[in-house]
Amino acid sequence: MRFFRLMKEQYGIIQTLEHFTFVVDLLGRSGNLLEAEKLIEKIPIEADEVLLIALLNAWSEKWREKMKVWDQLRDLEVKKDPGCSWIHLNDGVHLISVDDRTHPCCNTIYVNLERLTANVNYIVELDFISLQLTECST
């Protein structure tokens, strides 16, 4: 990032969208996804689809890595305590646990979780297809 800042500050190089895309890609590949997101928020020019795809690819790669670890843990028969979340909503705190069907809004919660999961799976599938097409064309 130091060299990226020096481009403008010391050498007067106008940073283009291609420069920002390259840096976002590097940050994503190195696992610095939050820093990449912050950079996108500060870009003085409008982000295009290439820049956003670079970030999306980095996030989906992290998702694949996470799933590989879960598969390895499952193969080792490692057990994990069920997860839970506390959600603050309308001046109240709700406890949501994995496979808990006692919450009065559990049906709505699970329908929305299924939609979110379907969206994430769709994005990962598109990324995989895009990667295959890219590899075929090279």
C-alpha atoms as a PDB file:
ATOM      1  CA  MET A   1       0.000   0.000   0.000  1.00  0.00           C
ATOM      2  CA  ARG A   2       2.929   2.303   0.657  1.00  0.00           C
ATOM      3  CA  PHE A   3       4.010   2.201  -2.986  1.00  0.00           C
ATOM      4  CA  PHE A   4       0.427   2.690  -4.131  1.00  0.00           C
ATOM      5  CA  ARG A   5       0.174   5.865  -2.032  1.00  0.00           C
ATOM      6  CA  LEU A   6       3.584   7.065  -3.238  1.00  0.00           C
ATOM      7  CA  MET A   7       2.371   6.889  -6.849  1.00  0.00           C
ATOM      8  CA  LYS A   8       0.176   9.909  -6.220  1.00  0.00           C
ATOM      9  CA  GLU A   9       1.877  11.650  -3.304  1.00  0.00           C
ATOM     10  CA  GLN A  10       5.500  11.550  -4.423  1.00  0.00           C
ATOM     11  CA  TYR A  11       5.431  10.896  -8.153  1.00  0.00           C
ATOM     12  CA  GLY A  12       2.191  12.636  -9.139  1.00  0.00           C
ATOM     13  CA  ILE A  13       0.848   9.614 -10.988  1.00  0.00           C
ATOM     14  CA  ILE A  14      -2.913   9.781 -11.389  1.00  0.00           C
ATOM     15  CA  GLN A  15      -4.331   6.505 -10.112  1.00  0.00           C
ATOM     16  CA  THR A  16      -6.745   4.979 -12.597  1.00  0.00           C
ATOM     17  CA  LEU A  17      -9.463   2.415 -12.098  1.00  0.00           C
ATOM     18  CA  GLU A  18      -7.030  -0.227 -13.368  1.00  0.00           C
ATOM     19  CA  HIS A  19      -4.585   0.663 -10.567  1.00  0.00           C
ATOM     20  CA  PHE A  20      -7.335   0.371  -7.946  1.00  0.00           C
ATOM     21  CA  THR A  21      -8.526  -2.933  -9.426  1.00  0.00           C
ATOM     22  CA  PHE A  22      -4.997  -4.327  -9.321  1.00  0.00           C
ATOM     23  CA  VAL A  23      -4.566  -3.311  -5.660  1.00  0.00           C
ATOM     24  CA  VAL A  24      -7.982  -4.711  -4.692  1.00  0.00           C
ATOM     25  CA  ASP A  25      -7.055  -7.978  -6.396  1.00  0.00           C
ATOM     26  CA  LEU A  26      -3.711  -8.137  -4.557  1.00  0.00           C
ATOM     27  CA  LEU A  27      -5.326  -7.340  -1.220  1.00  0.00           C
ATOM     28  CA  GLY A  28      -7.982  -9.981  -1.801  1.00  0.00           C
ATOM     29  CA  ARG A  29      -5.493 -12.661  -2.828  1.00  0.00           C
ATOM     30  CA  SER A  30      -3.412 -11.950   0.270  1.00  0.00           C
ATOM     31  CA  GLY A  31      -6.441 -12.315   2.530  1.00  0.00           C
ATOM     32  CA  ASN A  32      -6.837  -8.610   3.328  1.00  0.00           C
ATOM     33  CA  LEU A  33     -10.472  -8.504   2.272  1.00  0.00           C
ATOM     34  CA  LEU A  34     -11.598  -5.803   4.689  1.00  0.00           C
ATOM     35  CA  GLU A  35      -8.766  -3.523   3.583  1.00  0.00           C
ATOM     36  CA  ALA A  36      -9.799  -4.134  -0.030  1.00  0.00           C
ATOM     37  CA  GLU A  37     -13.391  -3.181   0.797  1.00  0.00           C
ATOM     38  CA  LYS A  38     -12.253  -0.009   2.573  1.00  0.00           C
ATOM     39  CA  LEU A  39     -10.172   0.953  -0.456  1.00  0.00           C
ATOM     40  CA  ILE A  40     -13.197   0.515  -2.735  1.00  0.00           C
ATOM     41  CA  GLU A  41     -15.239   2.774  -0.468  1.00  0.00           C
ATOM     42  CA  LYS A  42     -12.595   5.520  -0.781  1.00  0.00           C
ATOM     43  CA  ILE A  43     -12.020   5.326  -4.540  1.00  0.00           C
ATOM     44  CA  PRO A  44     -12.559   8.791  -6.039  1.00  0.00           C
ATOM     45  CA  ILE A  45     -13.915   7.277  -9.255  1.00  0.00           C
ATOM     46  CA  GLU A  46     -16.858   4.951  -9.787  1.00  0.00           C
ATOM     47  CA  ALA A  47     -16.035   1.252  -9.426  1.00  0.00           C
ATOM     48  CA  ASP A  48     -16.759  -0.938 -12.433  1.00  0.00           C
ATOM     49  CA  GLU A  49     -17.744  -4.582 -12.617  1.00  0.00           C
ATOM     50  CA  VAL A  50     -14.129  -5.758 -13.048  1.00  0.00           C
ATOM     51  CA  LEU A  51     -13.131  -4.188  -9.733  1.00  0.00           C
ATOM     52  CA  LEU A  52     -16.160  -5.616  -7.949  1.00  0.00           C
ATOM     53  CA  ILE A  53     -15.574  -9.048  -9.480  1.00  0.00           C
ATOM     54  CA  ALA A  54     -11.992  -8.965  -8.183  1.00  0.00           C
ATOM     55  CA  LEU A  55     -13.345  -8.461  -4.676  1.00  0.00           C
ATOM     56  CA  LEU A  56     -16.079 -11.063  -5.130  1.00  0.00           C
ATOM     57  CA  ASN A  57     -13.539 -13.623  -6.351  1.00  0.00           C
ATOM     58  CA  ALA A  58     -11.431 -13.056  -3.259  1.00  0.00           C
ATOM     59  CA  TRP A  59     -14.440 -13.528  -0.958  1.00  0.00           C
ATOM     60  CA  SER A  60     -15.573 -16.691  -2.783  1.00  0.00           C
ATOM     61  CA  GLU A  61     -12.035 -18.110  -2.579  1.00  0.00           C
ATOM     62  CA  LYS A  62     -12.082 -17.573   1.187  1.00  0.00           C
ATOM     63  CA  TRP A  63     -15.459 -19.326   1.294  1.00  0.00           C
ATOM     64  CA  ARG A  64     -14.012 -22.328  -0.601  1.00  0.00           C
ATOM     65  CA  GLU A  65     -11.048 -22.476   1.796  1.00  0.00           C
ATOM     66  CA  LYS A  66     -13.421 -22.433   4.760  1.00  0.00           C
ATOM     67  CA  MET A  67     -15.464 -25.272   3.280  1.00  0.00           C
ATOM     68  CA  LYS A  68     -12.299 -27.351   2.724  1.00  0.00           C
ATOM     69  CA  VAL A  69     -11.374 -26.936   6.403  1.00  0.00           C
ATOM     70  CA  TRP A  70     -14.889 -27.972   7.447  1.00  0.00           C
ATOM     71  CA  ASP A  71     -14.610 -31.060   5.232  1.00  0.00           C
ATOM     72  CA  GLN A  72     -11.280 -31.969   6.821  1.00  0.00           C
ATOM     73  CA  LEU A  73     -12.713 -31.523  10.319  1.00  0.00           C
ATOM     74  CA  ARG A  74     -15.710 -33.654   9.376  1.00  0.00           C
ATOM     75  CA  ASP A  75     -13.374 -36.380   8.058  1.00  0.00           C
ATOM     76  CA  LEU A  76     -11.547 -36.289  11.409  1.00  0.00           C
ATOM     77  CA  GLU A  77     -14.927 -36.534  13.153  1.00  0.00           C
ATOM     78  CA  VAL A  78     -14.279 -33.326  15.089  1.00  0.00           C
ATOM     79  CA  LYS A  79     -17.387 -32.180  16.954  1.00  0.00           C
ATOM     80  CA  LYS A  80     -18.247 -28.515  17.448  1.00  0.00           C
ATOM     81  CA  ASP A  81     -20.705 -27.038  19.879  1.00  0.00           C
ATOM     82  CA  PRO A  82     -23.755 -25.607  18.110  1.00  0.00           C
ATOM     83  CA  GLY A  83     -23.373 -21.958  17.190  1.00  0.00           C
ATOM     84  CA  CYS A  84     -25.700 -19.211  18.271  1.00  0.00           C
ATOM     85  CA  SER A  85     -26.231 -15.531  17.612  1.00  0.00           C
ATOM     86  CA  TRP A  86     -27.769 -12.664  19.514  1.00  0.00           C
ATOM     87  CA  ILE A  87     -29.706 -10.290  17.316  1.00  0.00           C
ATOM     88  CA  HIS A  88     -30.821  -6.871  18.523  1.00  0.00           C
ATOM     89  CA  LEU A  89     -34.094  -5.992  16.826  1.00  0.00           C
ATOM     90  CA  ASN A  90     -36.856  -3.543  17.777  1.00  0.00           C
ATOM     91  CA  ASP A  91     -35.533  -2.858  21.286  1.00  0.00           C
ATOM     92  CA  GLY A  92     -35.250  -6.560  22.028  1.00  0.00           C
ATOM     93  CA  VAL A  93     -32.508  -9.163  21.944  1.00  0.00           C
ATOM     94  CA  HIS A  94     -33.200 -12.499  20.272  1.00  0.00           C
ATOM     95  CA  LEU A  95     -31.100 -15.636  20.728  1.00  0.00           C
ATOM     96  CA  ILE A  96     -30.906 -17.793  17.623  1.00  0.00           C
ATOM     97  CA  SER A  97     -29.249 -21.227  17.872  1.00  0.00           C
ATOM     98  CA  VAL A  98     -28.483 -23.775  15.197  1.00  0.00           C
ATOM     99  CA  ASP A  99     -31.508 -26.011  14.542  1.00  0.00           C
ATOM    100  CA  ASP A 100     -33.501 -24.249  17.275  1.00  0.00           C
ATOM    101  CA  ARG A 101     -37.186 -24.301  16.359  1.00  0.00           C
ATOM    102  CA  THR A 102     -38.475 -22.704  19.575  1.00  0.00           C
ATOM    103  CA  HIS A 103     -38.161 -19.067  18.500  1.00  0.00           C
ATOM    104  CA  PRO A 104     -41.594 -17.651  17.544  1.00  0.00           C
ATOM    105  CA  CYS A 105     -40.225 -16.432  14.185  1.00  0.00           C
ATOM    106  CA  CYS A 106     -38.135 -19.504  13.406  1.00  0.00           C
ATOM    107  CA  ASN A 107     -39.959 -20.252  10.128  1.00  0.00           C
ATOM    108  CA  THR A 108     -39.265 -16.759   8.790  1.00  0.00           C
ATOM    109  CA  ILE A 109     -35.659 -16.933   9.997  1.00  0.00           C
ATOM    110  CA  TYR A 110     -35.000 -20.280   8.304  1.00  0.00           C
ATOM    111  CA  VAL A 111     -36.673 -19.214   5.043  1.00  0.00           C
ATOM    112  CA  ASN A 112     -34.376 -16.158   4.908  1.00  0.00           C
ATOM    113  CA  LEU A 113     -31.311 -18.237   5.787  1.00  0.00           C
ATOM    114  CA  GLU A 114     -32.147 -20.642   2.973  1.00  0.00           C
ATOM    115  CA  ARG A 115     -32.430 -17.701   0.549  1.00  0.00           C
ATOM    116  CA  LEU A 116     -29.087 -16.291   1.692  1.00  0.00           C
ATOM    117  CA  THR A 117     -27.429 -19.690   1.386  1.00  0.00           C
ATOM    118  CA  ALA A 118     -28.867 -20.153  -2.111  1.00  0.00           C
ATOM    119  CA  ASN A 119     -27.496 -16.723  -3.121  1.00  0.00           C
ATOM    120  CA  VAL A 120     -24.017 -17.525  -1.778  1.00  0.00           C
ATOM    121  CA  ASN A 121     -24.021 -20.928  -3.495  1.00  0.00           C
ATOM    122  CA  TYR A 122     -25.121 -19.295  -6.758  1.00  0.00           C
ATOM    123  CA  ILE A 123     -22.276 -16.765  -6.566  1.00  0.00           C
ATOM    124  CA  VAL A 124     -19.729 -19.504  -5.841  1.00  0.00           C
ATOM    125  CA  GLU A 125     -21.053 -21.550  -8.788  1.00  0.00           C
ATOM    126  CA  LEU A 126     -20.817 -18.545 -11.116  1.00  0.00           C
ATOM    127  CA  ASP A 127     -17.287 -17.897  -9.943  1.00  0.00           C
ATOM    128  CA  PHE A 128     -16.357 -21.539 -10.558  1.00  0.00           C
ATOM    129  CA  ILE A 129     -17.857 -21.463 -14.069  1.00  0.00           C
ATOM    130  CA  SER A 130     -16.054 -18.171 -14.784  1.00  0.00           C
ATOM    131  CA  LEU A 131     -12.765 -19.721 -13.608  1.00  0.00           C
ATOM    132  CA  GLN A 132     -13.299 -22.751 -15.853  1.00  0.00           C
ATOM    133  CA  LEU A 133     -14.069 -20.548 -18.867  1.00  0.00           C
ATOM    134  CA  THR A 134     -10.984 -18.453 -18.182  1.00  0.00           C
ATOM    135  CA  GLU A 135      -8.800 -21.555 -17.945  1.00  0.00           C
ATOM    136  CA  CYS A 136     -10.281 -22.941 -21.202  1.00  0.00           C
ATOM    137  CA  SER A 137      -9.562 -19.742 -23.101  1.00  0.00           C
ATOM    138  CA  THR A 138      -5.895 -19.616 -22.079  1.00  0.00           C
END
